[in-house]
């Protein structure tokens, strides 16, 4: 009887780390994964595995190539009947077009006056340069990669956004308000998976004081009270002084008709 073949084969790829997954769990047989590229040699991965997933990242180094996976169902060693093992075929997969852009990291941010500056760290990929350091998604996508910043006044729902081809943002904001924001990577040239995962939300926390929280009205009220107090402080002694003098003058006047 023919061995069962894999079903529900899916590619799962974030920042070019790519895992192939399938079902069912094998019983009495194994799986071997073959990666077939358009121009590259066949690469065998996860040979005779009882797992139902396989990290195929290093078989997809030419990221612009389109690949297909053959998941072979193979007999235990010594039981080979020298026939071609049955296999299931995956969908086509092109890493450059289909890997998901993972969460960008916000390296630092400042809000000085009316300028909000945000600096992003490019996510790394599993691929390395000849010197062994990891390539970032920027190294692979180059000018195809953009970042989008979403920002809004703390405690408000009106959201603005802006994009950049670099890894820094500078946007004009109200200097008296704190702002919250997050970023995501995007590859506008793609047909699918354009937008990446979103970063965590950060908020600026400058001590923007009463003025910022309550606005100018409070300051006008405080100013009016202050002026009233100062006026009173100046006018009151003058009035009291005059009354004192008047009383003293009255007391000195001789009583009439005595």
C-alpha atoms as a PDB file:
ATOM      1  CA  UNK A   1       0.000   0.000   0.000  1.00  0.00           C
ATOM      2  CA  UNK A   2       1.214   3.504  -0.752  1.00  0.00           C
ATOM      3  CA  UNK A   3       2.318   5.597   2.204  1.00  0.00           C
ATOM      4  CA  UNK A   4       0.139   8.554   3.212  1.00  0.00           C
ATOM      5  CA  UNK A   5       1.375  11.881   1.853  1.00  0.00           C
ATOM      6  CA  UNK A   6       1.461  15.246   3.605  1.00  0.00           C
ATOM      7  CA  UNK A   7      -1.545  17.575   3.566  1.00  0.00           C
ATOM      8  CA  UNK A   8      -2.197  21.195   4.681  1.00  0.00           C
ATOM      9  CA  UNK A   9       1.309  22.315   3.687  1.00  0.00           C
ATOM     10  CA  UNK A  10       1.998  25.938   4.668  1.00  0.00           C
ATOM     11  CA  UNK A  11       4.928  28.319   4.453  1.00  0.00           C
ATOM     12  CA  UNK A  12       5.455  30.461   7.551  1.00  0.00           C
ATOM     13  CA  UNK A  13       8.072  33.164   7.076  1.00  0.00           C
ATOM     14  CA  UNK A  14       8.980  36.267   9.119  1.00  0.00           C
ATOM     15  CA  UNK A  15      12.036  38.399   8.253  1.00  0.00           C
ATOM     16  CA  UNK A  16      13.201  35.563   5.940  1.00  0.00           C
ATOM     17  CA  UNK A  17      13.205  32.884   8.660  1.00  0.00           C
ATOM     18  CA  UNK A  18      11.048  30.297   6.917  1.00  0.00           C
ATOM     19  CA  UNK A  19       9.381  27.209   8.376  1.00  0.00           C
ATOM     20  CA  UNK A  20       7.468  24.663   6.333  1.00  0.00           C
ATOM     21  CA  UNK A  21       4.586  22.971   8.184  1.00  0.00           C
ATOM     22  CA  UNK A  22       2.250  20.129   7.276  1.00  0.00           C
ATOM     23  CA  UNK A  23       0.147  17.231   8.594  1.00  0.00           C
ATOM     24  CA  UNK A  24      -0.340  14.382   9.628  1.00  0.00           C
ATOM     25  CA  UNK A  25       2.081  12.989  12.225  1.00  0.00           C
ATOM     26  CA  UNK A  26       3.774   9.980  10.571  1.00  0.00           C
ATOM     27  CA  UNK A  27       3.272   6.480  11.948  1.00  0.00           C
ATOM     28  CA  UNK A  28       5.591   3.759  10.616  1.00  0.00           C
ATOM     29  CA  UNK A  29       7.182   6.073   8.053  1.00  0.00           C
ATOM     30  CA  UNK A  30       9.158   9.349   7.860  1.00  0.00           C
ATOM     31  CA  UNK A  31       9.224  12.590   5.929  1.00  0.00           C
ATOM     32  CA  UNK A  32      12.058  14.144   3.934  1.00  0.00           C
ATOM     33  CA  UNK A  33      11.773  17.664   2.534  1.00  0.00           C
ATOM     34  CA  UNK A  34      13.190  18.609  -0.861  1.00  0.00           C
ATOM     35  CA  UNK A  35      13.386  22.267  -1.870  1.00  0.00           C
ATOM     36  CA  UNK A  36      13.252  22.826  -5.627  1.00  0.00           C
ATOM     37  CA  UNK A  37      14.234  26.278  -6.911  1.00  0.00           C
ATOM     38  CA  UNK A  38      13.782  27.581 -10.443  1.00  0.00           C
ATOM     39  CA  UNK A  39      17.521  27.653 -11.100  1.00  0.00           C
ATOM     40  CA  UNK A  40      19.212  26.166  -8.016  1.00  0.00           C
ATOM     41  CA  UNK A  41      20.017  22.555  -7.181  1.00  0.00           C
ATOM     42  CA  UNK A  42      17.548  20.466  -5.173  1.00  0.00           C
ATOM     43  CA  UNK A  43      18.291  20.724  -1.456  1.00  0.00           C
ATOM     44  CA  UNK A  44      17.247  18.004   0.986  1.00  0.00           C
ATOM     45  CA  UNK A  45      16.206  19.134   4.478  1.00  0.00           C
ATOM     46  CA  UNK A  46      14.929  17.380   7.628  1.00  0.00           C
ATOM     47  CA  UNK A  47      15.875  13.964   6.243  1.00  0.00           C
ATOM     48  CA  UNK A  48      13.803  11.095   7.699  1.00  0.00           C
ATOM     49  CA  UNK A  49      12.057  13.269  10.270  1.00  0.00           C
ATOM     50  CA  UNK A  50       9.046  12.348  12.361  1.00  0.00           C
ATOM     51  CA  UNK A  51       8.286  16.047  12.816  1.00  0.00           C
ATOM     52  CA  UNK A  52       5.671  17.899  10.797  1.00  0.00           C
ATOM     53  CA  UNK A  53       7.675  21.084  10.375  1.00  0.00           C
ATOM     54  CA  UNK A  54      11.061  21.930   8.931  1.00  0.00           C
ATOM     55  CA  UNK A  55      13.217  25.071   9.036  1.00  0.00           C
ATOM     56  CA  UNK A  56      14.137  25.574   5.388  1.00  0.00           C
ATOM     57  CA  UNK A  57      15.667  29.071   5.731  1.00  0.00           C
ATOM     58  CA  UNK A  58      19.156  28.135   4.544  1.00  0.00           C
ATOM     59  CA  UNK A  59      17.755  26.429   1.425  1.00  0.00           C
ATOM     60  CA  UNK A  60      16.171  29.727   0.291  1.00  0.00           C
ATOM     61  CA  UNK A  61      19.219  32.000   0.260  1.00  0.00           C
ATOM     62  CA  UNK A  62      18.467  33.319  -3.205  1.00  0.00           C
ATOM     63  CA  UNK A  63      15.507  35.282  -1.834  1.00  0.00           C
ATOM     64  CA  UNK A  64      14.173  36.439  -5.210  1.00  0.00           C
ATOM     65  CA  UNK A  65      13.907  32.890  -6.534  1.00  0.00           C
ATOM     66  CA  UNK A  66      10.592  31.006  -6.467  1.00  0.00           C
ATOM     67  CA  UNK A  67      10.647  27.652  -4.699  1.00  0.00           C
ATOM     68  CA  UNK A  68       8.435  24.588  -4.377  1.00  0.00           C
ATOM     69  CA  UNK A  69       8.758  22.012  -1.583  1.00  0.00           C
ATOM     70  CA  UNK A  70       8.316  18.285  -2.163  1.00  0.00           C
ATOM     71  CA  UNK A  71       7.471  16.510   1.093  1.00  0.00           C
ATOM     72  CA  UNK A  72       8.424  12.882   0.557  1.00  0.00           C
ATOM     73  CA  UNK A  73       6.899  10.058   2.584  1.00  0.00           C
ATOM     74  CA  UNK A  74       9.720   7.537   3.049  1.00  0.00           C
ATOM     75  CA  UNK A  75       9.933   4.013   4.489  1.00  0.00           C
ATOM     76  CA  UNK A  76      12.151   3.231   7.475  1.00  0.00           C
ATOM     77  CA  UNK A  77      15.765   2.420   6.516  1.00  0.00           C
ATOM     78  CA  UNK A  78      16.185  -1.164   5.300  1.00  0.00           C
ATOM     79  CA  UNK A  79      12.600  -1.323   4.077  1.00  0.00           C
ATOM     80  CA  UNK A  80      13.133   0.683   0.886  1.00  0.00           C
ATOM     81  CA  UNK A  81      11.467  -0.973  -2.053  1.00  0.00           C
ATOM     82  CA  UNK A  82      13.512   1.163  -4.494  1.00  0.00           C
ATOM     83  CA  UNK A  83      10.425   2.826  -5.877  1.00  0.00           C
ATOM     84  CA  UNK A  84      10.193   6.592  -5.960  1.00  0.00           C
ATOM     85  CA  UNK A  85       8.672   7.641  -2.616  1.00  0.00           C
ATOM     86  CA  UNK A  86       5.274   9.337  -2.888  1.00  0.00           C
ATOM     87  CA  UNK A  87       5.340  13.054  -2.173  1.00  0.00           C
ATOM     88  CA  UNK A  88       3.083  16.071  -1.725  1.00  0.00           C
ATOM     89  CA  UNK A  89       3.718  19.420  -3.379  1.00  0.00           C
ATOM     90  CA  UNK A  90       3.624  22.773  -1.633  1.00  0.00           C
ATOM     91  CA  UNK A  91       2.405  26.072  -3.056  1.00  0.00           C
ATOM     92  CA  UNK A  92       5.080  28.209  -4.720  1.00  0.00           C
ATOM     93  CA  UNK A  93       6.997  30.517  -2.388  1.00  0.00           C
ATOM     94  CA  UNK A  94       9.156  33.556  -3.197  1.00  0.00           C
ATOM     95  CA  UNK A  95      10.800  34.850   0.010  1.00  0.00           C
ATOM     96  CA  UNK A  96      11.349  38.380  -1.298  1.00  0.00           C
ATOM     97  CA  UNK A  97       7.678  38.810  -2.120  1.00  0.00           C
ATOM     98  CA  UNK A  98       6.097  36.768   0.658  1.00  0.00           C
ATOM     99  CA  UNK A  99       8.101  36.836   3.887  1.00  0.00           C
ATOM    100  CA  UNK A 100       6.302  38.950   6.509  1.00  0.00           C
ATOM    101  CA  UNK A 101       8.120  42.052   7.775  1.00  0.00           C
ATOM    102  CA  UNK A 102       8.412  41.485  11.521  1.00  0.00           C
ATOM    103  CA  UNK A 103       7.983  44.010  14.334  1.00  0.00           C
ATOM    104  CA  UNK A 104      10.448  46.879  13.996  1.00  0.00           C
ATOM    105  CA  UNK A 105      12.212  47.907  17.200  1.00  0.00           C
ATOM    106  CA  UNK A 106      12.128  51.552  18.265  1.00  0.00           C
ATOM    107  CA  UNK A 107      15.737  52.357  19.131  1.00  0.00           C
ATOM    108  CA  UNK A 108      15.035  55.744  20.701  1.00  0.00           C
ATOM    109  CA  UNK A 109      12.672  58.698  20.566  1.00  0.00           C
ATOM    110  CA  UNK A 110      12.558  62.287  21.813  1.00  0.00           C
ATOM    111  CA  UNK A 111       9.997  65.069  21.881  1.00  0.00           C
ATOM    112  CA  UNK A 112      11.727  68.420  22.043  1.00  0.00           C
ATOM    113  CA  UNK A 113       9.509  71.455  21.603  1.00  0.00           C
ATOM    114  CA  UNK A 114       7.303  70.801  18.603  1.00  0.00           C
ATOM    115  CA  UNK A 115       9.509  68.036  17.109  1.00  0.00           C
ATOM    116  CA  UNK A 116       8.964  64.325  17.697  1.00  0.00           C
ATOM    117  CA  UNK A 117      11.982  62.258  16.583  1.00  0.00           C
ATOM    118  CA  UNK A 118      11.780  58.464  16.297  1.00  0.00           C
ATOM    119  CA  UNK A 119      14.672  56.165  15.321  1.00  0.00           C
ATOM    120  CA  UNK A 120      13.961  52.595  14.198  1.00  0.00           C
ATOM    121  CA  UNK A 121      16.227  49.569  14.307  1.00  0.00           C
ATOM    122  CA  UNK A 122      15.913  47.392  11.196  1.00  0.00           C
ATOM    123  CA  UNK A 123      14.917  43.804  12.093  1.00  0.00           C
ATOM    124  CA  UNK A 124      17.657  41.239  11.400  1.00  0.00           C
ATOM    125  CA  UNK A 125      17.327  38.195   9.144  1.00  0.00           C
ATOM    126  CA  UNK A 126      18.948  34.763   9.617  1.00  0.00           C
ATOM    127  CA  UNK A 127      21.187  35.419   6.589  1.00  0.00           C
ATOM    128  CA  UNK A 128      24.762  36.564   7.142  1.00  0.00           C
ATOM    129  CA  UNK A 129      27.416  38.596   5.357  1.00  0.00           C
ATOM    130  CA  UNK A 130      30.744  36.865   4.545  1.00  0.00           C
ATOM    131  CA  UNK A 131      32.135  38.289   7.830  1.00  0.00           C
ATOM    132  CA  UNK A 132      29.418  36.473   9.810  1.00  0.00           C
ATOM    133  CA  UNK A 133      27.313  39.493  10.833  1.00  0.00           C
ATOM    134  CA  UNK A 134      23.574  39.208  10.236  1.00  0.00           C
ATOM    135  CA  UNK A 135      21.943  41.029   7.341  1.00  0.00           C
ATOM    136  CA  UNK A 136      19.017  43.293   8.227  1.00  0.00           C
ATOM    137  CA  UNK A 137      15.836  43.435   6.199  1.00  0.00           C
ATOM    138  CA  UNK A 138      17.119  46.821   4.910  1.00  0.00           C
ATOM    139  CA  UNK A 139      20.240  45.074   3.519  1.00  0.00           C
ATOM    140  CA  UNK A 140      17.978  42.767   1.507  1.00  0.00           C
ATOM    141  CA  UNK A 141      15.085  45.047   0.511  1.00  0.00           C
ATOM    142  CA  UNK A 142      17.192  48.196  -0.002  1.00  0.00           C
ATOM    143  CA  UNK A 143      14.938  50.990  -1.348  1.00  0.00           C
ATOM    144  CA  UNK A 144      11.886  48.720  -1.528  1.00  0.00           C
ATOM    145  CA  UNK A 145      11.551  48.980   2.251  1.00  0.00           C
ATOM    146  CA  UNK A 146       9.670  51.856   3.877  1.00  0.00           C
ATOM    147  CA  UNK A 147       8.536  52.501   7.428  1.00  0.00           C
ATOM    148  CA  UNK A 148       5.265  54.053   8.472  1.00  0.00           C
ATOM    149  CA  UNK A 149       4.841  55.975  11.733  1.00  0.00           C
ATOM    150  CA  UNK A 150       1.372  56.251  13.290  1.00  0.00           C
ATOM    151  CA  UNK A 151       1.149  58.943  15.981  1.00  0.00           C
ATOM    152  CA  UNK A 152      -1.537  60.638  18.039  1.00  0.00           C
ATOM    153  CA  UNK A 153      -1.977  62.921  21.055  1.00  0.00           C
ATOM    154  CA  UNK A 154      -1.988  60.905  24.262  1.00  0.00           C
ATOM    155  CA  UNK A 155      -5.603  60.137  25.280  1.00  0.00           C
ATOM    156  CA  UNK A 156      -6.997  61.171  21.904  1.00  0.00           C
ATOM    157  CA  UNK A 157      -8.173  58.996  19.034  1.00  0.00           C
ATOM    158  CA  UNK A 158      -7.186  61.151  16.038  1.00  0.00           C
ATOM    159  CA  UNK A 159      -4.326  59.264  14.385  1.00  0.00           C
ATOM    160  CA  UNK A 160      -1.878  60.678  11.830  1.00  0.00           C
ATOM    161  CA  UNK A 161       0.717  58.776   9.816  1.00  0.00           C
ATOM    162  CA  UNK A 162       3.804  59.450   7.750  1.00  0.00           C
ATOM    163  CA  UNK A 163       6.292  57.249   5.877  1.00  0.00           C
ATOM    164  CA  UNK A 164      10.046  57.297   5.373  1.00  0.00           C
ATOM    165  CA  UNK A 165      12.549  55.338   3.288  1.00  0.00           C
ATOM    166  CA  UNK A 166      15.184  55.840   6.005  1.00  0.00           C
ATOM    167  CA  UNK A 167      15.029  54.638   9.617  1.00  0.00           C
ATOM    168  CA  UNK A 168      14.347  58.035  11.208  1.00  0.00           C
ATOM    169  CA  UNK A 169      11.221  60.166  11.536  1.00  0.00           C
ATOM    170  CA  UNK A 170      10.872  63.813  12.457  1.00  0.00           C
ATOM    171  CA  UNK A 171       7.315  65.081  12.730  1.00  0.00           C
ATOM    172  CA  UNK A 172       5.858  68.373  13.930  1.00  0.00           C
ATOM    173  CA  UNK A 173       3.620  68.039  16.985  1.00  0.00           C
ATOM    174  CA  UNK A 174       2.078  70.299  19.614  1.00  0.00           C
ATOM    175  CA  UNK A 175       4.820  71.047  22.101  1.00  0.00           C
ATOM    176  CA  UNK A 176       2.361  71.107  24.982  1.00  0.00           C
ATOM    177  CA  UNK A 177       1.019  67.582  24.480  1.00  0.00           C
ATOM    178  CA  UNK A 178       2.467  64.098  24.991  1.00  0.00           C
ATOM    179  CA  UNK A 179       2.247  61.775  21.987  1.00  0.00           C
ATOM    180  CA  UNK A 180       1.928  58.011  21.507  1.00  0.00           C
ATOM    181  CA  UNK A 181       3.118  56.184  18.399  1.00  0.00           C
ATOM    182  CA  UNK A 182       4.088  52.882  16.768  1.00  0.00           C
ATOM    183  CA  UNK A 183       5.774  51.893  13.506  1.00  0.00           C
ATOM    184  CA  UNK A 184       5.538  49.159  10.894  1.00  0.00           C
ATOM    185  CA  UNK A 185       7.638  48.190   7.904  1.00  0.00           C
ATOM    186  CA  UNK A 186       6.106  47.992   4.459  1.00  0.00           C
ATOM    187  CA  UNK A 187       7.117  46.981   0.941  1.00  0.00           C
ATOM    188  CA  UNK A 188       4.835  49.007  -1.365  1.00  0.00           C
ATOM    189  CA  UNK A 189       6.000  47.178  -4.497  1.00  0.00           C
ATOM    190  CA  UNK A 190       4.371  43.936  -3.314  1.00  0.00           C
ATOM    191  CA  UNK A 191       0.956  42.733  -4.341  1.00  0.00           C
ATOM    192  CA  UNK A 192       0.388  40.874  -1.044  1.00  0.00           C
ATOM    193  CA  UNK A 193       1.853  41.101   2.457  1.00  0.00           C
ATOM    194  CA  UNK A 194       2.618  44.773   1.911  1.00  0.00           C
ATOM    195  CA  UNK A 195       2.245  45.786   5.537  1.00  0.00           C
ATOM    196  CA  UNK A 196       4.429  44.271   8.224  1.00  0.00           C
ATOM    197  CA  UNK A 197       3.779  43.589  11.890  1.00  0.00           C
ATOM    198  CA  UNK A 198       3.428  46.648  14.128  1.00  0.00           C
ATOM    199  CA  UNK A 199       5.919  47.604  16.816  1.00  0.00           C
ATOM    200  CA  UNK A 200       4.966  48.076  20.458  1.00  0.00           C
ATOM    201  CA  UNK A 201       3.332  51.434  21.281  1.00  0.00           C
ATOM    202  CA  UNK A 202       5.509  54.049  22.990  1.00  0.00           C
ATOM    203  CA  UNK A 203       4.407  57.367  24.530  1.00  0.00           C
ATOM    204  CA  UNK A 204       6.443  60.464  25.317  1.00  0.00           C
ATOM    205  CA  UNK A 205       6.306  61.432  28.991  1.00  0.00           C
ATOM    206  CA  UNK A 206       7.645  64.993  29.165  1.00  0.00           C
ATOM    207  CA  UNK A 207       6.521  66.981  32.200  1.00  0.00           C
ATOM    208  CA  UNK A 208       4.304  69.262  30.211  1.00  0.00           C
ATOM    209  CA  UNK A 209       2.701  70.789  33.371  1.00  0.00           C
ATOM    210  CA  UNK A 210      -0.720  72.207  34.160  1.00  0.00           C
ATOM    211  CA  UNK A 211      -0.609  74.502  31.143  1.00  0.00           C
ATOM    212  CA  UNK A 212      -0.448  71.532  28.789  1.00  0.00           C
ATOM    213  CA  UNK A 213      -3.119  69.532  30.529  1.00  0.00           C
ATOM    214  CA  UNK A 214      -5.664  72.294  30.941  1.00  0.00           C
ATOM    215  CA  UNK A 215      -4.597  74.858  28.362  1.00  0.00           C
ATOM    216  CA  UNK A 216      -4.542  78.637  28.463  1.00  0.00           C
ATOM    217  CA  UNK A 217      -7.867  79.045  30.287  1.00  0.00           C
ATOM    218  CA  UNK A 218      -6.336  78.037  33.612  1.00  0.00           C
ATOM    219  CA  UNK A 219      -3.510  80.512  33.166  1.00  0.00           C
ATOM    220  CA  UNK A 220      -5.917  83.347  32.365  1.00  0.00           C
ATOM    221  CA  UNK A 221      -7.934  82.560  35.508  1.00  0.00           C
ATOM    222  CA  UNK A 222      -4.747  82.364  37.605  1.00  0.00           C
ATOM    223  CA  UNK A 223      -3.522  85.657  36.098  1.00  0.00           C
ATOM    224  CA  UNK A 224      -6.845  87.392  36.856  1.00  0.00           C
ATOM    225  CA  UNK A 225      -6.744  86.156  40.473  1.00  0.00           C
ATOM    226  CA  UNK A 226      -3.081  87.211  40.807  1.00  0.00           C
ATOM    227  CA  UNK A 227      -3.835  90.700  39.466  1.00  0.00           C
ATOM    228  CA  UNK A 228      -6.810  90.968  41.844  1.00  0.00           C
ATOM    229  CA  UNK A 229      -4.626  89.931  44.803  1.00  0.00           C
ATOM    230  CA  UNK A 230      -1.839  92.363  43.855  1.00  0.00           C
ATOM    231  CA  UNK A 231      -4.341  95.205  43.311  1.00  0.00           C
ATOM    232  CA  UNK A 232      -5.924  94.477  46.679  1.00  0.00           C
ATOM    233  CA  UNK A 233      -2.491  94.399  48.324  1.00  0.00           C
ATOM    234  CA  UNK A 234      -1.713  97.868  46.943  1.00  0.00           C
ATOM    235  CA  UNK A 235      -5.159  99.484  47.229  1.00  0.00           C
ATOM    236  CA  UNK A 236      -6.171  98.119  50.643  1.00  0.00           C
ATOM    237  CA  UNK A 237      -3.344  99.772  52.668  1.00  0.00           C
ATOM    238  CA  UNK A 238      -4.037 103.059  50.858  1.00  0.00           C
ATOM    239  CA  UNK A 239      -7.754 102.896  51.740  1.00  0.00           C
ATOM    240  CA  UNK A 240      -7.023 101.843  55.331  1.00  0.00           C
ATOM    241  CA  UNK A 241      -4.399 104.585  55.667  1.00  0.00           C
ATOM    242  CA  UNK A 242      -6.863 107.225  54.415  1.00  0.00           C
ATOM    243  CA  UNK A 243      -9.574 106.007  56.784  1.00  0.00           C
ATOM    244  CA  UNK A 244      -7.116 106.076  59.686  1.00  0.00           C
ATOM    245  CA  UNK A 245      -6.163 109.675  58.880  1.00  0.00           C
ATOM    246  CA  UNK A 246      -9.800 110.711  58.536  1.00  0.00           C
ATOM    247  CA  UNK A 247     -10.644 109.158  61.909  1.00  0.00           C
ATOM    248  CA  UNK A 248      -7.663 110.844  63.570  1.00  0.00           C
ATOM    249  CA  UNK A 249      -8.727 114.188  62.077  1.00  0.00           C
ATOM    250  CA  UNK A 250     -12.294 113.717  63.323  1.00  0.00           C
ATOM    251  CA  UNK A 251     -11.137 112.907  66.846  1.00  0.00           C
ATOM    252  CA  UNK A 252      -9.077 116.111  66.969  1.00  0.00           C
ATOM    253  CA  UNK A 253     -12.060 118.318  65.997  1.00  0.00           C
ATOM    254  CA  UNK A 254     -13.547 120.096  69.087  1.00  0.00           C
ATOM    255  CA  UNK A 255     -17.018 118.951  70.045  1.00  0.00           C
ATOM    256  CA  UNK A 256     -19.603 121.393  68.768  1.00  0.00           C
ATOM    257  CA  UNK A 257     -21.807 123.302  71.186  1.00  0.00           C
ATOM    258  CA  UNK A 258     -19.794 122.551  74.332  1.00  0.00           C
END
